[in-house]
Amino acid sequence: MNIQLQQDQTDQFTQNISSVQGQLQMADSTLSSTITFLTQAIALGTQAGNSTLSASNRADISGQIQAVATQIMALANPAIREHIFLRERPPTRRRM
């Protein structure tokens, strides 16, 4: 095996490691944010279970929970997250 081929393989290996590290950092950040949002949703759900709240208060909490759900869905959007949470890429859509 010649030295140039070994160097090329080493460079490719280094690039692959850098790419995977970036993906893992993105996954870590996404999961941390998801945990934060889920914790917030649990707290809101617990708060909504208080029997002293009015219907208006519960409706406000419902809106807040919907906002949290929207934030979680934005984190899960594979177009933004580069498919790191999928086993394979979804089929591409045909443009018309």
N, C-alpha and C. Protein backbone atom coordinates (compact mmCIF):
# COMPACT_ATOMS: atom_id res chain seq x y z
N MET A 1 0.85 -1.16 0.00
CA MET A 1 0.00 0.00 0.00
C MET A 1 0.91 1.24 0.00
N ASN A 2 0.60 2.14 -0.88
CA ASN A 2 1.49 3.30 -0.94
C ASN A 2 1.09 4.35 0.09
N ILE A 3 1.98 5.26 0.33
CA ILE A 3 1.80 6.28 1.37
C ILE A 3 0.64 7.21 1.03
N GLN A 4 0.48 7.57 -0.24
CA GLN A 4 -0.61 8.48 -0.62
C GLN A 4 -1.98 7.86 -0.34
N LEU A 5 -2.14 6.58 -0.64
CA LEU A 5 -3.39 5.89 -0.37
C LEU A 5 -3.67 5.85 1.13
N GLN A 6 -2.65 5.57 1.92
CA GLN A 6 -2.82 5.57 3.37
C GLN A 6 -3.22 6.95 3.88
N GLN A 7 -2.60 7.99 3.34
CA GLN A 7 -2.92 9.36 3.74
C GLN A 7 -4.36 9.70 3.37
N ASP A 8 -4.78 9.30 2.16
CA ASP A 8 -6.16 9.55 1.73
C ASP A 8 -7.16 8.84 2.64
N GLN A 9 -6.86 7.61 3.00
CA GLN A 9 -7.76 6.86 3.88
C GLN A 9 -7.81 7.49 5.28
N THR A 10 -6.67 7.94 5.76
CA THR A 10 -6.62 8.60 7.06
C THR A 10 -7.41 9.90 7.03
N ASP A 11 -7.28 10.67 5.95
CA ASP A 11 -8.03 11.93 5.82
C ASP A 11 -9.53 11.65 5.79
N GLN A 12 -9.94 10.62 5.05
CA GLN A 12 -11.36 10.27 4.98
C GLN A 12 -11.87 9.83 6.35
N PHE A 13 -11.09 9.05 7.04
CA PHE A 13 -11.46 8.59 8.38
C PHE A 13 -11.64 9.79 9.32
N THR A 14 -10.74 10.75 9.25
CA THR A 14 -10.81 11.95 10.09
C THR A 14 -12.06 12.77 9.75
N GLN A 15 -12.37 12.89 8.46
CA GLN A 15 -13.57 13.61 8.05
C GLN A 15 -14.83 12.91 8.56
N ASN A 16 -14.83 11.58 8.47
CA ASN A 16 -15.98 10.81 8.95
C ASN A 16 -16.19 11.00 10.45
N ILE A 17 -15.11 10.99 11.20
CA ILE A 17 -15.20 11.19 12.65
C ILE A 17 -15.76 12.57 12.95
N SER A 18 -15.28 13.58 12.26
CA SER A 18 -15.77 14.95 12.48
C SER A 18 -17.26 15.05 12.18
N SER A 19 -17.68 14.41 11.11
CA SER A 19 -19.10 14.43 10.72
C SER A 19 -19.96 13.76 11.79
N VAL A 20 -19.53 12.62 12.26
CA VAL A 20 -20.29 11.89 13.27
C VAL A 20 -20.32 12.67 14.59
N GLN A 21 -19.22 13.30 14.94
CA GLN A 21 -19.20 14.11 16.17
C GLN A 21 -20.21 15.25 16.08
N GLY A 22 -20.30 15.88 14.93
CA GLY A 22 -21.28 16.94 14.74
C GLY A 22 -22.70 16.43 14.87
N GLN A 23 -22.96 15.27 14.29
CA GLN A 23 -24.29 14.68 14.38
C GLN A 23 -24.63 14.30 15.83
N LEU A 24 -23.65 13.78 16.56
CA LEU A 24 -23.90 13.42 17.96
C LEU A 24 -24.14 14.65 18.82
N GLN A 25 -23.42 15.73 18.54
CA GLN A 25 -23.65 16.97 19.28
C GLN A 25 -25.05 17.51 19.00
N MET A 26 -25.49 17.42 17.75
CA MET A 26 -26.84 17.86 17.40
C MET A 26 -27.88 16.99 18.10
N ALA A 27 -27.65 15.68 18.10
CA ALA A 27 -28.59 14.77 18.76
C ALA A 27 -28.65 15.07 20.26
N ASP A 28 -27.51 15.29 20.87
CA ASP A 28 -27.47 15.59 22.30
C ASP A 28 -28.23 16.87 22.62
N SER A 29 -28.00 17.88 21.83
CA SER A 29 -28.69 19.16 22.03
C SER A 29 -30.20 19.00 21.84
N THR A 30 -30.60 18.28 20.80
CA THR A 30 -32.02 18.07 20.51
C THR A 30 -32.70 17.30 21.64
N LEU A 31 -32.05 16.25 22.11
CA LEU A 31 -32.64 15.46 23.19
C LEU A 31 -32.71 16.25 24.49
N SER A 32 -31.70 17.05 24.76
CA SER A 32 -31.73 17.90 25.97
C SER A 32 -32.89 18.88 25.90
N SER A 33 -33.08 19.50 24.75
CA SER A 33 -34.20 20.44 24.59
C SER A 33 -35.54 19.72 24.72
N THR A 34 -35.63 18.52 24.17
CA THR A 34 -36.86 17.75 24.25
C THR A 34 -37.19 17.42 25.71
N ILE A 35 -36.19 17.04 26.47
CA ILE A 35 -36.40 16.74 27.89
C ILE A 35 -36.90 17.98 28.62
N THR A 36 -36.31 19.12 28.32
CA THR A 36 -36.75 20.37 28.94
C THR A 36 -38.21 20.66 28.62
N PHE A 37 -38.58 20.51 27.35
CA PHE A 37 -39.96 20.77 26.94
C PHE A 37 -40.93 19.77 27.58
N LEU A 38 -40.55 18.50 27.64
CA LEU A 38 -41.42 17.50 28.25
C LEU A 38 -41.61 17.75 29.74
N THR A 39 -40.54 18.17 30.40
CA THR A 39 -40.63 18.52 31.82
C THR A 39 -41.60 19.68 32.01
N GLN A 40 -41.52 20.65 31.12
CA GLN A 40 -42.43 21.79 31.17
C GLN A 40 -43.88 21.33 30.96
N ALA A 41 -44.09 20.43 30.01
CA ALA A 41 -45.45 19.93 29.74
C ALA A 41 -46.00 19.17 30.93
N ILE A 42 -45.15 18.38 31.58
CA ILE A 42 -45.59 17.64 32.77
C ILE A 42 -46.00 18.60 33.88
N ALA A 43 -45.19 19.64 34.09
CA ALA A 43 -45.51 20.63 35.11
C ALA A 43 -46.84 21.33 34.79
N LEU A 44 -47.03 21.66 33.53
CA LEU A 44 -48.29 22.30 33.13
C LEU A 44 -49.47 21.36 33.33
N GLY A 45 -49.30 20.10 33.00
CA GLY A 45 -50.36 19.12 33.20
C GLY A 45 -50.71 18.95 34.66
N THR A 46 -49.70 18.94 35.50
CA THR A 46 -49.93 18.85 36.94
C THR A 46 -50.67 20.09 37.43
N GLN A 47 -50.25 21.22 36.96
CA GLN A 47 -50.90 22.49 37.33
C GLN A 47 -52.37 22.49 36.88
N ALA A 48 -52.63 21.96 35.70
CA ALA A 48 -54.00 21.94 35.17
C ALA A 48 -54.90 21.02 35.99
N GLY A 49 -54.31 20.07 36.69
CA GLY A 49 -55.09 19.15 37.51
C GLY A 49 -55.58 19.76 38.82
N ASN A 50 -55.16 20.98 39.10
CA ASN A 50 -55.59 21.67 40.32
C ASN A 50 -57.08 21.97 40.22
N SER A 51 -57.84 21.49 41.17
CA SER A 51 -59.30 21.64 41.11
C SER A 51 -59.76 23.07 41.34
N THR A 52 -58.88 23.93 41.80
CA THR A 52 -59.29 25.32 42.04
C THR A 52 -59.16 26.21 40.81
N LEU A 53 -58.62 25.69 39.72
CA LEU A 53 -58.45 26.50 38.52
C LEU A 53 -59.78 26.69 37.79
N SER A 54 -59.92 27.83 37.21
CA SER A 54 -61.12 28.11 36.41
C SER A 54 -60.96 27.50 35.02
N ALA A 55 -62.04 27.46 34.29
CA ALA A 55 -62.00 26.96 32.91
C ALA A 55 -61.07 27.83 32.07
N SER A 56 -61.06 29.12 32.33
CA SER A 56 -60.18 30.03 31.60
C SER A 56 -58.71 29.71 31.88
N ASN A 57 -58.39 29.43 33.15
CA ASN A 57 -57.01 29.06 33.50
C ASN A 57 -56.60 27.77 32.80
N ARG A 58 -57.51 26.82 32.78
CA ARG A 58 -57.21 25.54 32.12
C ARG A 58 -57.03 25.73 30.61
N ALA A 59 -57.82 26.61 30.04
CA ALA A 59 -57.68 26.90 28.61
C ALA A 59 -56.32 27.55 28.33
N ASP A 60 -55.88 28.43 29.22
CA ASP A 60 -54.55 29.04 29.07
C ASP A 60 -53.46 27.98 29.13
N ILE A 61 -53.59 27.07 30.09
CA ILE A 61 -52.60 26.00 30.23
C ILE A 61 -52.62 25.10 29.00
N SER A 62 -53.81 24.83 28.48
CA SER A 62 -53.92 24.02 27.27
C SER A 62 -53.16 24.68 26.11
N GLY A 63 -53.30 25.97 25.99
CA GLY A 63 -52.57 26.69 24.94
C GLY A 63 -51.07 26.60 25.13
N GLN A 64 -50.65 26.66 26.38
CA GLN A 64 -49.21 26.54 26.67
C GLN A 64 -48.70 25.14 26.33
N ILE A 65 -49.49 24.14 26.63
CA ILE A 65 -49.10 22.76 26.30
C ILE A 65 -49.04 22.57 24.79
N GLN A 66 -49.98 23.16 24.07
CA GLN A 66 -49.94 23.10 22.60
C GLN A 66 -48.67 23.76 22.07
N ALA A 67 -48.27 24.87 22.67
CA ALA A 67 -47.04 25.55 22.25
C ALA A 67 -45.83 24.67 22.50
N VAL A 68 -45.82 23.98 23.63
CA VAL A 68 -44.72 23.06 23.94
C VAL A 68 -44.70 21.92 22.91
N ALA A 69 -45.86 21.38 22.59
CA ALA A 69 -45.93 20.30 21.59
C ALA A 69 -45.41 20.78 20.24
N THR A 70 -45.73 22.01 19.87
CA THR A 70 -45.24 22.57 18.61
C THR A 70 -43.72 22.67 18.63
N GLN A 71 -43.17 23.08 19.76
CA GLN A 71 -41.71 23.19 19.87
C GLN A 71 -41.05 21.83 19.76
N ILE A 72 -41.66 20.83 20.37
CA ILE A 72 -41.10 19.47 20.29
C ILE A 72 -41.15 18.96 18.85
N MET A 73 -42.26 19.21 18.16
CA MET A 73 -42.37 18.78 16.77
C MET A 73 -41.35 19.48 15.88
N ALA A 74 -41.07 20.74 16.18
CA ALA A 74 -40.05 21.45 15.41
C ALA A 74 -38.68 20.81 15.61
N LEU A 75 -38.43 20.35 16.83
CA LEU A 75 -37.15 19.67 17.08
C LEU A 75 -37.08 18.34 16.34
N ALA A 76 -38.21 17.69 16.18
CA ALA A 76 -38.25 16.38 15.54
C ALA A 76 -38.28 16.46 14.02
N ASN A 77 -38.41 17.65 13.47
CA ASN A 77 -38.53 17.81 12.02
C ASN A 77 -37.27 17.26 11.33
N PRO A 78 -37.41 16.17 10.58
CA PRO A 78 -36.23 15.56 9.96
C PRO A 78 -35.55 16.45 8.93
N ALA A 79 -36.26 17.38 8.34
CA ALA A 79 -35.61 18.28 7.38
C ALA A 79 -34.61 19.17 8.09
N ILE A 80 -34.90 19.50 9.33
CA ILE A 80 -33.99 20.34 10.11
C ILE A 80 -32.92 19.49 10.75
N ARG A 81 -33.28 18.34 11.23
CA ARG A 81 -32.36 17.50 12.00
C ARG A 81 -31.54 16.53 11.15
N GLU A 82 -31.58 16.67 9.87
CA GLU A 82 -30.75 15.89 8.95
C GLU A 82 -30.91 14.38 9.13
N HIS A 83 -32.09 13.96 9.50
CA HIS A 83 -32.43 12.53 9.58
C HIS A 83 -31.61 11.76 10.61
N ILE A 84 -31.07 12.42 11.62
CA ILE A 84 -30.23 11.68 12.56
C ILE A 84 -31.02 10.77 13.48
N PHE A 85 -32.34 10.99 13.56
CA PHE A 85 -33.14 10.14 14.43
C PHE A 85 -33.91 9.08 13.64
N LEU A 86 -33.65 8.96 12.38
CA LEU A 86 -34.32 7.97 11.55
C LEU A 86 -33.34 6.87 11.18
N ARG A 87 -33.83 5.67 11.04
CA ARG A 87 -32.96 4.58 10.61
C ARG A 87 -32.58 4.74 9.14
N GLU A 88 -33.48 5.29 8.37
CA GLU A 88 -33.19 5.53 6.97
C GLU A 88 -33.92 6.79 6.55
N ARG A 89 -33.50 7.34 5.45
CA ARG A 89 -34.14 8.55 4.97
C ARG A 89 -35.54 8.22 4.44
N PRO A 90 -36.48 9.12 4.69
CA PRO A 90 -37.82 8.88 4.14
C PRO A 90 -37.78 9.01 2.63
N PRO A 91 -38.76 8.43 1.94
CA PRO A 91 -38.78 8.56 0.49
C PRO A 91 -38.90 10.04 0.10
N THR A 92 -38.25 10.38 -0.99
CA THR A 92 -38.32 11.77 -1.44
C THR A 92 -39.67 12.02 -2.11
N ARG A 93 -40.12 13.24 -2.00
CA ARG A 93 -41.40 13.62 -2.61
C ARG A 93 -41.14 14.10 -4.03
N ARG A 94 -42.06 13.80 -4.89
CA ARG A 94 -41.95 14.29 -6.27
C ARG A 94 -42.45 15.72 -6.31
N ARG A 95 -41.72 16.55 -7.01
CA ARG A 95 -42.16 17.93 -7.20
C ARG A 95 -42.94 18.03 -8.48
N MET A 96 -44.02 18.74 -8.42
CA MET A 96 -44.84 18.90 -9.62
C MET A 96 -44.85 20.31 -10.07
